[in-house]
Every structure is written in structure tokens, then in C-alpha cells.
Amino acid sequence: MTSKELLYIEDALGHENFMKTCSQNASTKLTDPNLSNYLKELEQKHTGLYNKFLNLL
């Protein structure tokens, strides 16, 4: 794997971690259960994407 590819994966890992954290924080603050559940689904999606990128290493 080239250094450029590693930088891309590192950047993608940071992005997915940020999105997971934002989804998690927002879901706990919302009072609407539908929106909260949707954000929990997004959190799971971004966790899965994070793990896929991590497995590339």
C-alpha cells in the first residue's frame, strides 16, 4: 500500500469516527424518538464503515 493510500485511509477513519461521535451525541440529546433512532442507525453505519476502513490496514 502506498503512502498516499495510507493517508486516504487515515483521513477516512477520522471522518467516520467524527460522524459516529456526532451521531451518538445528537441521538442522546433529541427528544423525538424517531429522530433519535435514526441517528442511532447512522451511528451503527459509521461504526461499520470505520471497521471496514480499519480492516484495510
PDB file of N, CA and C in Angstrom:
ATOM      1  N   MET A   1       0.848  -1.167   0.000  1.00  0.00           N
ATOM      2  CA  MET A   1       0.000   0.000   0.000  1.00  0.00           C
ATOM      3  C   MET A   1       0.903   1.243   0.000  1.00  0.00           C
ATOM      4  N   THR A   2       0.561   2.190  -0.843  1.00  0.00           N
ATOM      5  CA  THR A   2       1.381   3.398  -0.951  1.00  0.00           C
ATOM      6  C   THR A   2       1.090   4.355   0.206  1.00  0.00           C
ATOM      7  N   SER A   3       1.987   5.308   0.384  1.00  0.00           N
ATOM      8  CA  SER A   3       1.789   6.285   1.461  1.00  0.00           C
ATOM      9  C   SER A   3       0.559   7.156   1.175  1.00  0.00           C
ATOM     10  N   LYS A   4       0.280   7.401  -0.091  1.00  0.00           N
ATOM     11  CA  LYS A   4      -0.901   8.192  -0.442  1.00  0.00           C
ATOM     12  C   LYS A   4      -2.179   7.443  -0.069  1.00  0.00           C
ATOM     13  N   GLU A   5      -2.192   6.141  -0.310  1.00  0.00           N
ATOM     14  CA  GLU A   5      -3.356   5.326   0.056  1.00  0.00           C
ATOM     15  C   GLU A   5      -3.519   5.274   1.574  1.00  0.00           C
ATOM     16  N   LEU A   6      -2.420   5.172   2.286  1.00  0.00           N
ATOM     17  CA  LEU A   6      -2.487   5.168   3.751  1.00  0.00           C
ATOM     18  C   LEU A   6      -3.031   6.489   4.290  1.00  0.00           C
ATOM     19  N   LEU A   7      -2.631   7.591   3.680  1.00  0.00           N
ATOM     20  CA  LEU A   7      -3.156   8.896   4.097  1.00  0.00           C
ATOM     21  C   LEU A   7      -4.661   8.981   3.851  1.00  0.00           C
ATOM     22  N   TYR A   8      -5.116   8.422   2.713  1.00  0.00           N
ATOM     23  CA  TYR A   8      -6.545   8.425   2.425  1.00  0.00           C
ATOM     24  C   TYR A   8      -7.307   7.619   3.474  1.00  0.00           C
ATOM     25  N   ILE A   9      -6.799   6.449   3.816  1.00  0.00           N
ATOM     26  CA  ILE A   9      -7.477   5.605   4.810  1.00  0.00           C
ATOM     27  C   ILE A   9      -7.474   6.283   6.175  1.00  0.00           C
ATOM     28  N   GLU A  10      -6.365   6.904   6.526  1.00  0.00           N
ATOM     29  CA  GLU A  10      -6.288   7.633   7.805  1.00  0.00           C
ATOM     30  C   GLU A  10      -7.316   8.760   7.851  1.00  0.00           C
ATOM     31  N   ASP A  11      -7.453   9.463   6.761  1.00  0.00           N
ATOM     32  CA  ASP A  11      -8.431  10.545   6.675  1.00  0.00           C
ATOM     33  C   ASP A  11      -9.853   9.990   6.770  1.00  0.00           C
ATOM     34  N   ALA A  12     -10.111   8.892   6.087  1.00  0.00           N
ATOM     35  CA  ALA A  12     -11.438   8.279   6.121  1.00  0.00           C
ATOM     36  C   ALA A  12     -11.769   7.772   7.523  1.00  0.00           C
ATOM     37  N   LEU A  13     -10.781   7.207   8.213  1.00  0.00           N
ATOM     38  CA  LEU A  13     -11.003   6.749   9.594  1.00  0.00           C
ATOM     39  C   LEU A  13     -11.383   7.916  10.502  1.00  0.00           C
ATOM     40  N   GLY A  14     -10.685   9.027  10.344  1.00  0.00           N
ATOM     41  CA  GLY A  14     -11.002  10.210  11.147  1.00  0.00           C
ATOM     42  C   GLY A  14     -12.392  10.735  10.856  1.00  0.00           C
ATOM     43  N   HIS A  15     -12.776  10.725   9.587  1.00  0.00           N
ATOM     44  CA  HIS A  15     -14.101  11.199   9.201  1.00  0.00           C
ATOM     45  C   HIS A  15     -15.186  10.302   9.770  1.00  0.00           C
ATOM     46  N   GLU A  16     -15.026   9.005   9.632  1.00  0.00           N
ATOM     47  CA  GLU A  16     -16.038   8.077  10.144  1.00  0.00           C
ATOM     48  C   GLU A  16     -16.134   8.148  11.661  1.00  0.00           C
ATOM     49  N   ASN A  17     -15.019   8.309  12.341  1.00  0.00           N
ATOM     50  CA  ASN A  17     -15.043   8.439  13.798  1.00  0.00           C
ATOM     51  C   ASN A  17     -15.770   9.719  14.212  1.00  0.00           C
ATOM     52  N   PHE A  18     -15.518  10.800  13.479  1.00  0.00           N
ATOM     53  CA  PHE A  18     -16.194  12.067  13.760  1.00  0.00           C
ATOM     54  C   PHE A  18     -17.701  11.933  13.551  1.00  0.00           C
ATOM     55  N   MET A  19     -18.111  11.317  12.446  1.00  0.00           N
ATOM     56  CA  MET A  19     -19.536  11.149  12.155  1.00  0.00           C
ATOM     57  C   MET A  19     -20.213  10.251  13.192  1.00  0.00           C
ATOM     58  N   LYS A  20     -19.515   9.199  13.625  1.00  0.00           N
ATOM     59  CA  LYS A  20     -20.054   8.309  14.647  1.00  0.00           C
ATOM     60  C   LYS A  20     -20.268   9.071  15.947  1.00  0.00           C
ATOM     61  N   THR A  21     -19.287   9.862  16.341  1.00  0.00           N
ATOM     62  CA  THR A  21     -19.370  10.630  17.582  1.00  0.00           C
ATOM     63  C   THR A  21     -20.489  11.665  17.512  1.00  0.00           C
ATOM     64  N   CYS A  22     -20.596  12.360  16.388  1.00  0.00           N
ATOM     65  CA  CYS A  22     -21.655  13.361  16.227  1.00  0.00           C
ATOM     66  C   CYS A  22     -23.037  12.720  16.290  1.00  0.00           C
ATOM     67  N   SER A  23     -23.192  11.588  15.622  1.00  0.00           N
ATOM     68  CA  SER A  23     -24.482  10.881  15.640  1.00  0.00           C
ATOM     69  C   SER A  23     -24.830  10.428  17.044  1.00  0.00           C
ATOM     70  N   GLN A  24     -23.832   9.914  17.741  1.00  0.00           N
ATOM     71  CA  GLN A  24     -24.044   9.430  19.102  1.00  0.00           C
ATOM     72  C   GLN A  24     -24.454  10.575  20.028  1.00  0.00           C
ATOM     73  N   ASN A  25     -23.749  11.686  19.953  1.00  0.00           N
ATOM     74  CA  ASN A  25     -24.061  12.830  20.810  1.00  0.00           C
ATOM     75  C   ASN A  25     -25.444  13.398  20.508  1.00  0.00           C
ATOM     76  N   ALA A  26     -25.770  13.517  19.251  1.00  0.00           N
ATOM     77  CA  ALA A  26     -27.063  14.088  18.868  1.00  0.00           C
ATOM     78  C   ALA A  26     -28.219  13.171  19.262  1.00  0.00           C
ATOM     79  N   SER A  27     -28.034  11.865  19.124  1.00  0.00           N
ATOM     80  CA  SER A  27     -29.127  10.941  19.436  1.00  0.00           C
ATOM     81  C   SER A  27     -29.495  10.982  20.914  1.00  0.00           C
ATOM     82  N   THR A  28     -28.522  11.270  21.774  1.00  0.00           N
ATOM     83  CA  THR A  28     -28.822  11.323  23.209  1.00  0.00           C
ATOM     84  C   THR A  28     -29.517  12.627  23.600  1.00  0.00           C
ATOM     85  N   LYS A  29     -29.366  13.668  22.780  1.00  0.00           N
ATOM     86  CA  LYS A  29     -29.950  14.968  23.106  1.00  0.00           C
ATOM     87  C   LYS A  29     -31.348  15.172  22.541  1.00  0.00           C
ATOM     88  N   LEU A  30     -31.731  14.370  21.567  1.00  0.00           N
ATOM     89  CA  LEU A  30     -33.036  14.558  20.927  1.00  0.00           C
ATOM     90  C   LEU A  30     -34.158  13.981  21.769  1.00  0.00           C
ATOM     91  N   THR A  31     -35.297  14.642  21.711  1.00  0.00           N
ATOM     92  CA  THR A  31     -36.470  14.129  22.428  1.00  0.00           C
ATOM     93  C   THR A  31     -37.401  13.354  21.506  1.00  0.00           C
ATOM     94  N   ASP A  32     -37.296  13.575  20.201  1.00  0.00           N
ATOM     95  CA  ASP A  32     -38.112  12.846  19.235  1.00  0.00           C
ATOM     96  C   ASP A  32     -37.541  11.434  19.071  1.00  0.00           C
ATOM     97  N   PRO A  33     -38.305  10.411  19.435  1.00  0.00           N
ATOM     98  CA  PRO A  33     -37.764   9.045  19.371  1.00  0.00           C
ATOM     99  C   PRO A  33     -37.428   8.589  17.951  1.00  0.00           C
ATOM    100  N   ASN A  34     -38.183   9.057  16.959  1.00  0.00           N
ATOM    101  CA  ASN A  34     -37.895   8.663  15.576  1.00  0.00           C
ATOM    102  C   ASN A  34     -36.544   9.205  15.115  1.00  0.00           C
ATOM    103  N   LEU A  35     -36.299  10.463  15.401  1.00  0.00           N
ATOM    104  CA  LEU A  35     -35.019  11.054  15.025  1.00  0.00           C
ATOM    105  C   LEU A  35     -33.868  10.429  15.808  1.00  0.00           C
ATOM    106  N   SER A  36     -34.109  10.165  17.059  1.00  0.00           N
ATOM    107  CA  SER A  36     -33.081   9.553  17.893  1.00  0.00           C
ATOM    108  C   SER A  36     -32.718   8.164  17.356  1.00  0.00           C
ATOM    109  N   ASN A  37     -33.732   7.386  16.992  1.00  0.00           N
ATOM    110  CA  ASN A  37     -33.483   6.055  16.438  1.00  0.00           C
ATOM    111  C   ASN A  37     -32.749   6.139  15.112  1.00  0.00           C
ATOM    112  N   TYR A  38     -33.104   7.119  14.285  1.00  0.00           N
ATOM    113  CA  TYR A  38     -32.432   7.291  13.006  1.00  0.00           C
ATOM    114  C   TYR A  38     -30.946   7.604  13.217  1.00  0.00           C
ATOM    115  N   LEU A  39     -30.656   8.466  14.175  1.00  0.00           N
ATOM    116  CA  LEU A  39     -29.263   8.800  14.449  1.00  0.00           C
ATOM    117  C   LEU A  39     -28.502   7.610  15.034  1.00  0.00           C
ATOM    118  N   LYS A  40     -29.179   6.764  15.786  1.00  0.00           N
ATOM    119  CA  LYS A  40     -28.535   5.552  16.290  1.00  0.00           C
ATOM    120  C   LYS A  40     -28.199   4.611  15.134  1.00  0.00           C
ATOM    121  N   GLU A  41     -29.079   4.559  14.124  1.00  0.00           N
ATOM    122  CA  GLU A  41     -28.788   3.758  12.933  1.00  0.00           C
ATOM    123  C   GLU A  41     -27.587   4.332  12.189  1.00  0.00           C
ATOM    124  N   LEU A  42     -27.524   5.663  12.092  1.00  0.00           N
ATOM    125  CA  LEU A  42     -26.369   6.298  11.447  1.00  0.00           C
ATOM    126  C   LEU A  42     -25.087   5.993  12.205  1.00  0.00           C
ATOM    127  N   GLU A  43     -25.181   6.002  13.519  1.00  0.00           N
ATOM    128  CA  GLU A  43     -24.011   5.691  14.339  1.00  0.00           C
ATOM    129  C   GLU A  43     -23.506   4.284  14.033  1.00  0.00           C
ATOM    130  N   GLN A  44     -24.424   3.334  13.925  1.00  0.00           N
ATOM    131  CA  GLN A  44     -24.042   1.955  13.601  1.00  0.00           C
ATOM    132  C   GLN A  44     -23.444   1.863  12.201  1.00  0.00           C
ATOM    133  N   LYS A  45     -24.014   2.617  11.263  1.00  0.00           N
ATOM    134  CA  LYS A  45     -23.497   2.610   9.899  1.00  0.00           C
ATOM    135  C   LYS A  45     -22.064   3.130   9.859  1.00  0.00           C
ATOM    136  N   HIS A  46     -21.816   4.227  10.554  1.00  0.00           N
ATOM    137  CA  HIS A  46     -20.480   4.811  10.554  1.00  0.00           C
ATOM    138  C   HIS A  46     -19.489   3.944  11.334  1.00  0.00           C
ATOM    139  N   THR A  47     -19.956   3.256  12.338  1.00  0.00           N
ATOM    140  CA  THR A  47     -19.096   2.311  13.047  1.00  0.00           C
ATOM    141  C   THR A  47     -18.682   1.178  12.107  1.00  0.00           C
ATOM    142  N   GLY A  48     -19.635   0.692  11.322  1.00  0.00           N
ATOM    143  CA  GLY A  48     -19.330  -0.361  10.354  1.00  0.00           C
ATOM    144  C   GLY A  48     -18.344   0.109   9.296  1.00  0.00           C
ATOM    145  N   LEU A  49     -18.546   1.323   8.796  1.00  0.00           N
ATOM    146  CA  LEU A  49     -17.626   1.866   7.799  1.00  0.00           C
ATOM    147  C   LEU A  49     -16.235   2.066   8.395  1.00  0.00           C
ATOM    148  N   TYR A  50     -16.176   2.527   9.636  1.00  0.00           N
ATOM    149  CA  TYR A  50     -14.893   2.694  10.325  1.00  0.00           C
ATOM    150  C   TYR A  50     -14.153   1.354  10.385  1.00  0.00           C
ATOM    151  N   ASN A  51     -14.877   0.309  10.766  1.00  0.00           N
ATOM    152  CA  ASN A  51     -14.267  -1.007  10.885  1.00  0.00           C
ATOM    153  C   ASN A  51     -13.795  -1.533   9.528  1.00  0.00           C
ATOM    154  N   LYS A  52     -14.548  -1.252   8.466  1.00  0.00           N
ATOM    155  CA  LYS A  52     -14.139  -1.686   7.130  1.00  0.00           C
ATOM    156  C   LYS A  52     -12.849  -0.999   6.716  1.00  0.00           C
ATOM    157  N   PHE A  53     -12.750   0.303   6.961  1.00  0.00           N
ATOM    158  CA  PHE A  53     -11.520   1.016   6.641  1.00  0.00           C
ATOM    159  C   PHE A  53     -10.360   0.504   7.484  1.00  0.00           C
ATOM    160  N   LEU A  54     -10.624   0.219   8.745  1.00  0.00           N
ATOM    161  CA  LEU A  54      -9.586  -0.283   9.635  1.00  0.00           C
ATOM    162  C   LEU A  54      -9.073  -1.635   9.163  1.00  0.00           C
ATOM    163  N   ASN A  55      -9.963  -2.453   8.632  1.00  0.00           N
ATOM    164  CA  ASN A  55      -9.558  -3.775   8.136  1.00  0.00           C
ATOM    165  C   ASN A  55      -8.687  -3.696   6.890  1.00  0.00           C
ATOM    166  N   LEU A  56      -8.697  -2.557   6.206  1.00  0.00           N
ATOM    167  CA  LEU A  56      -7.821  -2.397   5.047  1.00  0.00           C
ATOM    168  C   LEU A  56      -6.351  -2.331   5.448  1.00  0.00           C
ATOM    169  N   LEU A  57      -6.129  -1.953   6.698  1.00  0.00           N
ATOM    170  CA  LEU A  57      -4.757  -1.863   7.192  1.00  0.00           C
ATOM    171  C   LEU A  57      -4.333  -3.224   7.594  1.00  0.00           C
TER     172      LEU A  57
END
